[in-house]
Amino acid sequence: MAGDTALTRLLLGLGLRSFSMHPAQILAVKQEVLRADTGKLRPWAQTVLEADEPASVLAR
């Protein structure tokens, strides 16, 4: 899960800071982490958790 770049922002917004993944996934996830603004991701992650359709919020 941590190696899935589609979920990196969500995991960061939920407060996770340590990830375990296959070495081939590290570069892509690192790029997502470096681009992330965790201050904005925290409220967004809460919105995802409270959404009736979380997948639609994740797609934004």
Protein backbone atom coordinates (compact mmCIF):
# COMPACT_ATOMS: atom_id res chain seq x y z
CA MET A 1 0.00 0.00 0.00
CA ALA A 2 2.77 2.46 0.88
CA GLY A 3 4.33 1.93 -2.53
CA ASP A 4 1.14 2.96 -4.33
CA THR A 5 1.69 6.58 -5.33
CA ALA A 6 -2.07 7.06 -5.62
CA LEU A 7 -2.26 6.63 -1.84
CA THR A 8 0.91 8.46 -0.77
CA ARG A 9 -0.87 11.78 -0.13
CA LEU A 10 -3.57 10.04 1.90
CA LEU A 11 -1.03 8.22 4.06
CA LEU A 12 0.86 11.47 4.67
CA GLY A 13 -2.38 13.26 5.53
CA LEU A 14 -3.17 10.54 8.05
CA GLY A 15 0.15 11.25 9.77
CA LEU A 16 2.27 8.37 8.54
CA ARG A 17 5.91 9.26 8.08
CA SER A 18 7.56 5.85 7.73
CA PHE A 19 6.81 3.60 4.77
CA SER A 20 7.87 0.11 3.76
CA MET A 21 7.89 -0.79 0.07
CA HIS A 22 9.73 -2.57 -2.71
CA PRO A 23 12.93 -0.70 -3.68
CA ALA A 24 11.63 -0.15 -7.21
CA GLN A 25 8.83 2.05 -5.81
CA ILE A 26 11.00 4.32 -3.68
CA LEU A 27 11.78 7.00 -6.28
CA ALA A 28 8.16 7.57 -7.31
CA VAL A 29 6.96 7.71 -3.69
CA LYS A 30 9.85 10.00 -2.71
CA GLN A 31 8.84 12.43 -5.45
CA GLU A 32 5.25 12.46 -4.15
CA VAL A 33 6.47 13.06 -0.58
CA LEU A 34 8.70 15.95 -1.64
CA ARG A 35 5.82 17.62 -3.52
CA ALA A 36 3.38 17.16 -0.65
CA ASP A 37 2.17 19.94 1.61
CA THR A 38 1.29 18.02 4.77
CA GLY A 39 -0.50 21.03 6.25
CA LYS A 40 -3.03 20.87 3.43
CA LEU A 41 -3.13 17.08 3.32
CA ARG A 42 -4.34 16.61 6.89
CA PRO A 43 -7.78 18.25 6.37
CA TRP A 44 -8.04 16.62 2.93
CA ALA A 45 -7.40 13.17 4.44
CA GLN A 46 -10.15 13.82 6.99
CA THR A 47 -12.50 14.66 4.11
CA VAL A 48 -11.60 11.36 2.44
CA LEU A 49 -12.36 9.46 5.65
CA GLU A 50 -15.73 11.16 6.09
CA ALA A 51 -16.82 10.92 2.44
CA ASP A 52 -19.63 8.63 1.34
CA GLU A 53 -17.56 7.87 -1.77
CA PRO A 54 -13.88 8.10 -0.71
CA ALA A 55 -12.68 7.03 -4.16
CA SER A 56 -14.23 10.15 -5.70
CA VAL A 57 -12.36 12.39 -3.23
CA LEU A 58 -9.10 10.51 -3.83
CA ALA A 59 -9.43 11.14 -7.56
CA ARG A 60 -9.33 14.92 -7.06
